[in-house]
PDB file of N, CA and C in Angstrom:
ATOM      1  N   MET A   1     -94.580 -39.032  59.762  1.00  0.00           N
ATOM      2  CA  MET A   1     -93.451 -39.714  60.381  1.00  0.00           C
ATOM      3  C   MET A   1     -92.450 -39.600  59.632  1.00  0.00           C
ATOM      4  N   LEU A   2     -91.275 -39.344  60.213  1.00  0.00           N
ATOM      5  CA  LEU A   2     -89.818 -39.138  59.481  1.00  0.00           C
ATOM      6  C   LEU A   2     -89.315 -40.457  59.364  1.00  0.00           C
ATOM      7  N   PRO A   3     -88.635 -40.681  58.150  1.00  0.00           N
ATOM      8  CA  PRO A   3     -88.148 -42.226  57.853  1.00  0.00           C
ATOM      9  C   PRO A   3     -86.864 -42.144  58.881  1.00  0.00           C
ATOM     10  N   ASP A   4     -86.533 -43.313  59.200  1.00  0.00           N
ATOM     11  CA  ASP A   4     -85.204 -43.504  60.050  1.00  0.00           C
ATOM     12  C   ASP A   4     -84.054 -42.693  59.387  1.00  0.00           C
ATOM     13  N   MET A   5     -83.298 -42.070  60.303  1.00  0.00           N
ATOM     14  CA  MET A   5     -82.243 -41.303  59.636  1.00  0.00           C
ATOM     15  C   MET A   5     -81.005 -41.866  60.085  1.00  0.00           C
ATOM     16  N   VAL A   6     -79.976 -41.639  59.396  1.00  0.00           N
ATOM     17  CA  VAL A   6     -78.481 -42.038  59.650  1.00  0.00           C
ATOM     18  C   VAL A   6     -77.846 -40.852  59.725  1.00  0.00           C
ATOM     19  N   THR A   7     -76.807 -40.739  60.595  1.00  0.00           N
ATOM     20  CA  THR A   7     -76.040 -39.616  60.547  1.00  0.00           C
ATOM     21  C   THR A   7     -74.791 -39.684  59.844  1.00  0.00           C
ATOM     22  N   MET A   8     -74.399 -38.683  58.981  1.00  0.00           N
ATOM     23  CA  MET A   8     -73.335 -38.925  58.183  1.00  0.00           C
ATOM     24  C   MET A   8     -72.152 -37.600  58.539  1.00  0.00           C
ATOM     25  N   ASN A   9     -71.007 -37.909  58.254  1.00  0.00           N
ATOM     26  CA  ASN A   9     -70.187 -36.496  58.497  1.00  0.00           C
ATOM     27  C   ASN A   9     -69.484 -36.242  57.083  1.00  0.00           C
ATOM     28  N   ILE A  10     -69.647 -35.074  56.692  1.00  0.00           N
ATOM     29  CA  ILE A  10     -69.072 -34.865  55.287  1.00  0.00           C
ATOM     30  C   ILE A  10     -68.245 -33.584  55.396  1.00  0.00           C
ATOM     31  N   SER A  11     -67.181 -33.475  54.661  1.00  0.00           N
ATOM     32  CA  SER A  11     -66.362 -32.116  54.562  1.00  0.00           C
ATOM     33  C   SER A  11     -66.748 -31.363  53.537  1.00  0.00           C
ATOM     34  N   LEU A  12     -67.196 -30.017  53.876  1.00  0.00           N
ATOM     35  CA  LEU A  12     -67.410 -28.724  52.927  1.00  0.00           C
ATOM     36  C   LEU A  12     -66.409 -27.872  53.171  1.00  0.00           C
ATOM     37  N   ASP A  13     -66.253 -26.913  52.058  1.00  0.00           N
ATOM     38  CA  ASP A  13     -65.416 -26.082  52.205  1.00  0.00           C
ATOM     39  C   ASP A  13     -66.186 -24.824  52.874  1.00  0.00           C
ATOM     40  N   GLU A  14     -65.544 -23.972  53.420  1.00  0.00           N
ATOM     41  CA  GLU A  14     -66.007 -22.570  54.044  1.00  0.00           C
ATOM     42  C   GLU A  14     -67.408 -21.769  53.402  1.00  0.00           C
ATOM     43  N   GLN A  15     -66.698 -21.864  51.945  1.00  0.00           N
ATOM     44  CA  GLN A  15     -67.965 -20.972  51.300  1.00  0.00           C
ATOM     45  C   GLN A  15     -69.132 -21.676  51.208  1.00  0.00           C
ATOM     46  N   ALA A  16     -69.169 -23.073  50.998  1.00  0.00           N
ATOM     47  CA  ALA A  16     -70.368 -23.716  51.062  1.00  0.00           C
ATOM     48  C   ALA A  16     -71.096 -23.850  52.016  1.00  0.00           C
ATOM     49  N   VAL A  17     -70.389 -24.017  53.331  1.00  0.00           N
ATOM     50  CA  VAL A  17     -71.012 -23.939  54.642  1.00  0.00           C
ATOM     51  C   VAL A  17     -71.522 -22.515  54.884  1.00  0.00           C
ATOM     52  N   GLU A  18     -70.964 -21.285  54.409  1.00  0.00           N
ATOM     53  CA  GLU A  18     -71.555 -20.220  54.838  1.00  0.00           C
ATOM     54  C   GLU A  18     -72.786 -19.990  54.058  1.00  0.00           C
ATOM     55  N   LYS A  19     -72.830 -20.542  52.703  1.00  0.00           N
ATOM     56  CA  LYS A  19     -74.024 -20.421  51.905  1.00  0.00           C
ATOM     57  C   LYS A  19     -75.209 -21.217  52.716  1.00  0.00           C
ATOM     58  N   LEU A  20     -74.734 -22.356  52.989  1.00  0.00           N
ATOM     59  CA  LEU A  20     -76.069 -23.241  53.528  1.00  0.00           C
ATOM     60  C   LEU A  20     -76.463 -22.310  54.878  1.00  0.00           C
ATOM     61  N   ARG A  21     -75.547 -22.035  55.639  1.00  0.00           N
ATOM     62  CA  ARG A  21     -75.862 -21.287  56.891  1.00  0.00           C
ATOM     63  C   ARG A  21     -76.942 -20.203  56.661  1.00  0.00           C
ATOM     64  N   ALA A  22     -76.487 -19.292  55.609  1.00  0.00           N
ATOM     65  CA  ALA A  22     -77.516 -18.195  55.103  1.00  0.00           C
ATOM     66  C   ALA A  22     -78.790 -18.640  54.551  1.00  0.00           C
ATOM     67  N   ILE A  23     -78.678 -19.722  53.915  1.00  0.00           N
ATOM     68  CA  ILE A  23     -80.202 -20.138  53.248  1.00  0.00           C
ATOM     69  C   ILE A  23     -80.857 -20.528  54.506  1.00  0.00           C
ATOM     70  N   ALA A  24     -80.216 -21.457  55.192  1.00  0.00           N
ATOM     71  CA  ALA A  24     -81.017 -21.961  56.531  1.00  0.00           C
ATOM     72  C   ALA A  24     -81.474 -20.954  57.251  1.00  0.00           C
ATOM     73  N   ALA A  25     -80.930 -19.894  57.850  1.00  0.00           N
ATOM     74  CA  ALA A  25     -81.376 -18.832  58.433  1.00  0.00           C
ATOM     75  C   ALA A  25     -82.427 -18.272  57.819  1.00  0.00           C
ATOM     76  N   LYS A  26     -82.522 -17.860  56.430  1.00  0.00           N
ATOM     77  CA  LYS A  26     -83.793 -17.336  55.808  1.00  0.00           C
ATOM     78  C   LYS A  26     -84.879 -18.183  55.568  1.00  0.00           C
ATOM     79  N   LEU A  27     -84.558 -19.231  55.739  1.00  0.00           N
ATOM     80  CA  LEU A  27     -85.693 -20.416  55.791  1.00  0.00           C
ATOM     81  C   LEU A  27     -86.035 -20.717  57.304  1.00  0.00           C
ATOM     82  N   ASP A  28     -85.413 -20.359  58.024  1.00  0.00           N
ATOM     83  CA  ASP A  28     -85.611 -20.657  59.640  1.00  0.00           C
ATOM     84  C   ASP A  28     -85.755 -21.804  60.104  1.00  0.00           C
ATOM     85  N   LYS A  29     -84.837 -22.655  59.479  1.00  0.00           N
ATOM     86  CA  LYS A  29     -84.717 -24.176  59.759  1.00  0.00           C
ATOM     87  C   LYS A  29     -83.097 -24.227  59.850  1.00  0.00           C
ATOM     88  N   PRO A  30     -82.688 -25.630  60.615  1.00  0.00           N
ATOM     89  CA  PRO A  30     -81.736 -26.160  61.122  1.00  0.00           C
ATOM     90  C   PRO A  30     -80.800 -26.267  59.480  1.00  0.00           C
ATOM     91  N   VAL A  31     -79.616 -25.968  59.861  1.00  0.00           N
ATOM     92  CA  VAL A  31     -78.991 -26.426  58.542  1.00  0.00           C
ATOM     93  C   VAL A  31     -78.679 -28.021  58.408  1.00  0.00           C
ATOM     94  N   GLU A  32     -78.922 -28.831  59.168  1.00  0.00           N
ATOM     95  CA  GLU A  32     -78.909 -30.360  59.062  1.00  0.00           C
ATOM     96  C   GLU A  32     -80.252 -30.504  58.281  1.00  0.00           C
ATOM     97  N   ASP A  33     -81.208 -29.877  58.537  1.00  0.00           N
ATOM     98  CA  ASP A  33     -82.650 -30.309  57.802  1.00  0.00           C
ATOM     99  C   ASP A  33     -82.519 -29.652  56.367  1.00  0.00           C
ATOM    100  N   LEU A  34     -82.068 -28.645  55.968  1.00  0.00           N
ATOM    101  CA  LEU A  34     -81.639 -28.102  54.785  1.00  0.00           C
ATOM    102  C   LEU A  34     -80.791 -29.036  53.927  1.00  0.00           C
ATOM    103  N   VAL A  35     -79.784 -29.432  54.320  1.00  0.00           N
ATOM    104  CA  VAL A  35     -78.791 -30.245  53.772  1.00  0.00           C
ATOM    105  C   VAL A  35     -79.577 -31.849  53.483  1.00  0.00           C
ATOM    106  N   ALA A  36     -80.372 -32.358  54.450  1.00  0.00           N
ATOM    107  CA  ALA A  36     -81.049 -33.613  54.044  1.00  0.00           C
ATOM    108  C   ALA A  36     -81.935 -33.255  53.102  1.00  0.00           C
ATOM    109  N   GLU A  37     -82.766 -31.953  53.118  1.00  0.00           N
ATOM    110  CA  GLU A  37     -83.553 -31.707  51.990  1.00  0.00           C
ATOM    111  C   GLU A  37     -82.964 -31.722  50.653  1.00  0.00           C
ATOM    112  N   LEU A  38     -81.743 -31.030  50.514  1.00  0.00           N
ATOM    113  CA  LEU A  38     -80.989 -30.552  49.308  1.00  0.00           C
ATOM    114  C   LEU A  38     -80.637 -32.219  48.930  1.00  0.00           C
ATOM    115  N   VAL A  39     -80.187 -33.150  49.570  1.00  0.00           N
ATOM    116  CA  VAL A  39     -79.750 -34.436  49.249  1.00  0.00           C
ATOM    117  C   VAL A  39     -80.839 -35.268  48.734  1.00  0.00           C
ATOM    118  N   GLN A  40     -81.766 -35.135  49.553  1.00  0.00           N
ATOM    119  CA  GLN A  40     -83.074 -35.941  48.889  1.00  0.00           C
ATOM    120  C   GLN A  40     -83.738 -35.466  47.561  1.00  0.00           C
ATOM    121  N   GLY A  41     -83.741 -34.037  47.481  1.00  0.00           N
ATOM    122  CA  GLY A  41     -83.817 -33.556  46.067  1.00  0.00           C
ATOM    123  C   GLY A  41     -82.829 -33.901  45.188  1.00  0.00           C
ATOM    124  N   THR A  42     -81.768 -33.863  45.324  1.00  0.00           N
ATOM    125  CA  THR A  42     -80.864 -34.181  44.285  1.00  0.00           C
ATOM    126  C   THR A  42     -81.186 -35.755  43.974  1.00  0.00           C
ATOM    127  N   LEU A  43     -81.345 -36.438  45.024  1.00  0.00           N
ATOM    128  CA  LEU A  43     -81.277 -38.074  44.465  1.00  0.00           C
ATOM    129  C   LEU A  43     -82.510 -38.196  43.584  1.00  0.00           C
ATOM    130  N   SER A  44     -83.646 -37.442  44.021  1.00  0.00           N
ATOM    131  CA  SER A  44     -85.118 -37.680  43.121  1.00  0.00           C
ATOM    132  C   SER A  44     -84.682 -36.957  41.945  1.00  0.00           C
ATOM    133  N   GLU A  45     -83.847 -35.976  42.065  1.00  0.00           N
ATOM    134  CA  GLU A  45     -83.757 -35.474  40.415  1.00  0.00           C
ATOM    135  C   GLU A  45     -82.967 -36.408  39.706  1.00  0.00           C
ATOM    136  N   GLU A  46     -81.844 -36.834  40.296  1.00  0.00           N
ATOM    137  CA  GLU A  46     -80.930 -37.879  39.503  1.00  0.00           C
ATOM    138  C   GLU A  46     -81.842 -39.111  39.078  1.00  0.00           C
ATOM    139  N   GLU A  47     -82.634 -39.429  39.772  1.00  0.00           N
ATOM    140  CA  GLU A  47     -83.542 -40.671  39.437  1.00  0.00           C
ATOM    141  C   GLU A  47     -84.453 -40.423  38.080  1.00  0.00           C
ATOM    142  N   ARG A  48     -85.214 -39.271  38.366  1.00  0.00           N
ATOM    143  CA  ARG A  48     -85.896 -38.712  37.161  1.00  0.00           C
ATOM    144  C   ARG A  48     -85.068 -38.755  36.105  1.00  0.00           C
ATOM    145  N   TYR A  49     -83.982 -38.080  35.878  1.00  0.00           N
ATOM    146  CA  TYR A  49     -82.910 -37.973  34.769  1.00  0.00           C
ATOM    147  C   TYR A  49     -82.816 -39.354  34.425  1.00  0.00           C
ATOM    148  N   ARG A  50     -82.342 -40.381  35.228  1.00  0.00           N
ATOM    149  CA  ARG A  50     -81.988 -41.631  34.621  1.00  0.00           C
ATOM    150  C   ARG A  50     -83.135 -42.553  33.975  1.00  0.00           C
ATOM    151  N   VAL A  51     -84.520 -42.148  34.677  1.00  0.00           N
ATOM    152  CA  VAL A  51     -85.642 -42.990  34.255  1.00  0.00           C
ATOM    153  C   VAL A  51     -85.753 -42.149  32.615  1.00  0.00           C
ATOM    154  N   ALA A  52     -85.696 -40.954  32.304  1.00  0.00           N
ATOM    155  CA  ALA A  52     -85.902 -40.290  31.014  1.00  0.00           C
ATOM    156  C   ALA A  52     -84.919 -40.523  30.351  1.00  0.00           C
ATOM    157  N   VAL A  53     -83.597 -40.921  30.525  1.00  0.00           N
ATOM    158  CA  VAL A  53     -82.730 -41.389  29.703  1.00  0.00           C
ATOM    159  C   VAL A  53     -83.111 -42.770  29.146  1.00  0.00           C
ATOM    160  N   ARG A  54     -83.582 -43.581  30.112  1.00  0.00           N
ATOM    161  CA  ARG A  54     -83.618 -45.117  29.533  1.00  0.00           C
ATOM    162  C   ARG A  54     -85.014 -45.068  28.798  1.00  0.00           C
ATOM    163  N   GLU A  55     -86.069 -44.318  29.187  1.00  0.00           N
ATOM    164  CA  GLU A  55     -87.129 -44.137  28.298  1.00  0.00           C
ATOM    165  C   GLU A  55     -86.801 -43.564  26.705  1.00  0.00           C
ATOM    166  N   GLY A  56     -85.842 -42.571  26.871  1.00  0.00           N
ATOM    167  CA  GLY A  56     -85.332 -42.106  25.520  1.00  0.00           C
ATOM    168  C   GLY A  56     -84.678 -43.070  24.715  1.00  0.00           C
ATOM    169  N   ILE A  57     -83.966 -43.985  25.279  1.00  0.00           N
ATOM    170  CA  ILE A  57     -82.974 -44.981  24.532  1.00  0.00           C
ATOM    171  C   ILE A  57     -84.134 -46.003  24.352  1.00  0.00           C
ATOM    172  N   ALA A  58     -84.914 -46.309  24.988  1.00  0.00           N
ATOM    173  CA  ALA A  58     -86.085 -47.615  24.656  1.00  0.00           C
ATOM    174  C   ALA A  58     -86.577 -47.012  23.409  1.00  0.00           C
ATOM    175  N   GLN A  59     -87.147 -45.827  23.098  1.00  0.00           N
ATOM    176  CA  GLN A  59     -87.816 -45.078  22.326  1.00  0.00           C
ATOM    177  C   GLN A  59     -86.957 -45.098  20.830  1.00  0.00           C
ATOM    178  N   ALA A  60     -85.787 -44.624  21.078  1.00  0.00           N
ATOM    179  CA  ALA A  60     -84.835 -44.434  20.196  1.00  0.00           C
ATOM    180  C   ALA A  60     -84.341 -46.353  19.513  1.00  0.00           C
ATOM    181  N   ASP A  61     -84.533 -46.896  20.333  1.00  0.00           N
ATOM    182  CA  ASP A  61     -84.215 -48.565  20.047  1.00  0.00           C
ATOM    183  C   ASP A  61     -85.522 -49.079  19.039  1.00  0.00           C
ATOM    184  N   ALA A  62     -86.688 -48.390  19.595  1.00  0.00           N
ATOM    185  CA  ALA A  62     -88.072 -48.800  19.109  1.00  0.00           C
ATOM    186  C   ALA A  62     -88.086 -47.988  17.508  1.00  0.00           C
ATOM    187  N   GLY A  63     -86.912 -47.126  17.211  1.00  0.00           N
ATOM    188  CA  GLY A  63     -87.042 -46.314  16.144  1.00  0.00           C
ATOM    189  C   GLY A  63     -88.289 -45.120  16.196  1.00  0.00           C
ATOM    190  N   ARG A  64     -88.556 -44.629  17.240  1.00  0.00           N
ATOM    191  CA  ARG A  64     -89.300 -43.690  17.563  1.00  0.00           C
ATOM    192  C   ARG A  64     -88.568 -42.437  17.656  1.00  0.00           C
ATOM    193  N   LEU A  65     -88.064 -41.753  16.638  1.00  0.00           N
ATOM    194  CA  LEU A  65     -86.988 -40.489  16.788  1.00  0.00           C
ATOM    195  C   LEU A  65     -87.786 -39.488  16.509  1.00  0.00           C
ATOM    196  N   VAL A  66     -87.087 -38.129  16.959  1.00  0.00           N
ATOM    197  CA  VAL A  66     -87.646 -36.902  16.518  1.00  0.00           C
ATOM    198  C   VAL A  66     -86.727 -35.980  15.685  1.00  0.00           C
ATOM    199  N   ASP A  67     -86.931 -35.491  14.762  1.00  0.00           N
ATOM    200  CA  ASP A  67     -86.100 -34.752  13.825  1.00  0.00           C
ATOM    201  C   ASP A  67     -85.535 -33.639  14.961  1.00  0.00           C
ATOM    202  N   LEU A  68     -84.320 -33.178  14.632  1.00  0.00           N
ATOM    203  CA  LEU A  68     -83.786 -32.332  15.272  1.00  0.00           C
ATOM    204  C   LEU A  68     -84.649 -30.810  15.678  1.00  0.00           C
ATOM    205  N   ASP A  69     -84.865 -30.706  14.387  1.00  0.00           N
ATOM    206  CA  ASP A  69     -85.558 -29.228  14.073  1.00  0.00           C
ATOM    207  C   ASP A  69     -86.997 -29.382  14.876  1.00  0.00           C
ATOM    208  N   ASP A  70     -87.589 -30.323  14.583  1.00  0.00           N
ATOM    209  CA  ASP A  70     -88.881 -30.567  15.270  1.00  0.00           C
ATOM    210  C   ASP A  70     -88.657 -30.704  16.990  1.00  0.00           C
ATOM    211  N   ALA A  71     -87.680 -31.007  17.591  1.00  0.00           N
ATOM    212  CA  ALA A  71     -87.303 -31.271  18.756  1.00  0.00           C
ATOM    213  C   ALA A  71     -86.874 -29.765  19.466  1.00  0.00           C
ATOM    214  N   PHE A  72     -86.311 -29.046  18.455  1.00  0.00           N
ATOM    215  CA  PHE A  72     -85.843 -27.819  18.655  1.00  0.00           C
ATOM    216  C   PHE A  72     -87.240 -26.564  18.894  1.00  0.00           C
ATOM    217  N   ASP A  73     -88.030 -27.123  17.847  1.00  0.00           N
ATOM    218  CA  ASP A  73     -89.280 -26.426  18.047  1.00  0.00           C
ATOM    219  C   ASP A  73     -90.147 -26.514  19.068  1.00  0.00           C
ATOM    220  N   ARG A  74     -90.116 -27.923  19.439  1.00  0.00           N
ATOM    221  CA  ARG A  74     -91.001 -28.201  20.750  1.00  0.00           C
ATOM    222  C   ARG A  74     -90.232 -27.534  21.961  1.00  0.00           C
ATOM    223  N   VAL A  75     -89.233 -27.636  22.145  1.00  0.00           N
ATOM    224  CA  VAL A  75     -88.469 -26.955  23.178  1.00  0.00           C
ATOM    225  C   VAL A  75     -88.754 -25.600  23.139  1.00  0.00           C
ATOM    226  N   THR A  76     -88.495 -24.971  22.307  1.00  0.00           N
ATOM    227  CA  THR A  76     -88.756 -23.585  22.224  1.00  0.00           C
ATOM    228  C   THR A  76     -90.046 -23.092  22.492  1.00  0.00           C
ATOM    229  N   GLU A  77     -91.361 -23.649  21.978  1.00  0.00           N
ATOM    230  CA  GLU A  77     -92.589 -23.473  22.284  1.00  0.00           C
ATOM    231  C   GLU A  77     -92.801 -23.756  23.815  1.00  0.00           C
ATOM    232  N   LYS A  78     -92.422 -24.891  24.238  1.00  0.00           N
ATOM    233  CA  LYS A  78     -92.615 -25.089  25.859  1.00  0.00           C
ATOM    234  C   LYS A  78     -92.013 -23.963  26.412  1.00  0.00           C
ATOM    235  N   LEU A  79     -90.873 -23.529  26.207  1.00  0.00           N
ATOM    236  CA  LEU A  79     -90.065 -22.450  26.979  1.00  0.00           C
ATOM    237  C   LEU A  79     -90.745 -21.383  27.008  1.00  0.00           C
ATOM    238  N   LYS A  80     -91.464 -20.827  25.823  1.00  0.00           N
ATOM    239  CA  LYS A  80     -92.355 -19.747  25.803  1.00  0.00           C
ATOM    240  C   LYS A  80     -93.404 -19.714  26.723  1.00  0.00           C
ATOM    241  N   ARG A  81     -94.075 -21.001  26.604  1.00  0.00           N
ATOM    242  CA  ARG A  81     -95.266 -21.103  27.485  1.00  0.00           C
ATOM    243  C   ARG A  81     -94.981 -21.134  28.658  1.00  0.00           C
ATOM    244  N   MET A  82     -93.846 -21.739  29.372  1.00  0.00           N
ATOM    245  CA  MET A  82     -93.232 -21.676  30.640  1.00  0.00           C
ATOM    246  C   MET A  82     -93.040 -20.310  31.140  1.00  0.00           C
ATOM    247  N   HIS A  83     -92.513 -19.486  30.015  1.00  0.00           N
ATOM    248  CA  HIS A  83     -91.863 -18.073  30.408  1.00  0.00           C
ATOM    249  C   HIS A  83     -93.247 -17.113  30.654  1.00  0.00           C
ATOM    250  N   ALA A  84     -94.356 -17.482  30.014  1.00  0.00           N
ATOM    251  CA  ALA A  84     -95.440 -16.886  29.837  1.00  0.00           C
ATOM    252  C   ALA A  84     -96.552 -17.159  31.028  1.00  0.00           C
ATOM    253  N   GLY A  85     -96.163 -18.280  31.956  1.00  0.00           N
ATOM    254  CA  GLY A  85     -96.891 -18.823  33.038  1.00  0.00           C
ATOM    255  C   GLY A  85     -97.785 -19.507  32.752  1.00  0.00           C
ATOM    256  N   GLN A  86     -97.764 -20.555  31.388  1.00  0.00           N
ATOM    257  CA  GLN A  86     -98.665 -21.350  31.128  1.00  0.00           C
ATOM    258  C   GLN A  86     -98.442 -22.820  31.301  1.00  0.00           C
ATOM    259  N   ARG A  87     -97.142 -22.972  31.418  1.00  0.00           N
ATOM    260  CA  ARG A  87     -96.733 -24.400  31.987  1.00  0.00           C
ATOM    261  C   ARG A  87     -97.783 -25.513  31.123  1.00  0.00           C
TER     262      ARG A  87
END
């Protein structure tokens, strides 16, 4: 069951509208549904980001810090695994 929906009117430039229409056509779905999904995804990602920042600040406040070189090495290794499809 879909959540209660509220109608909103927004203004977009023509280029953005054309991109949305093209993507919606490729996905065979209404533009309105695509926009709703994009907004929900962006809100979810924003919330994940804010939670991660709060957790990072709490760790730093507790003195649990990571050396820059160690952090760089960890990120580099993770990216290598992702690139290799190992996630």
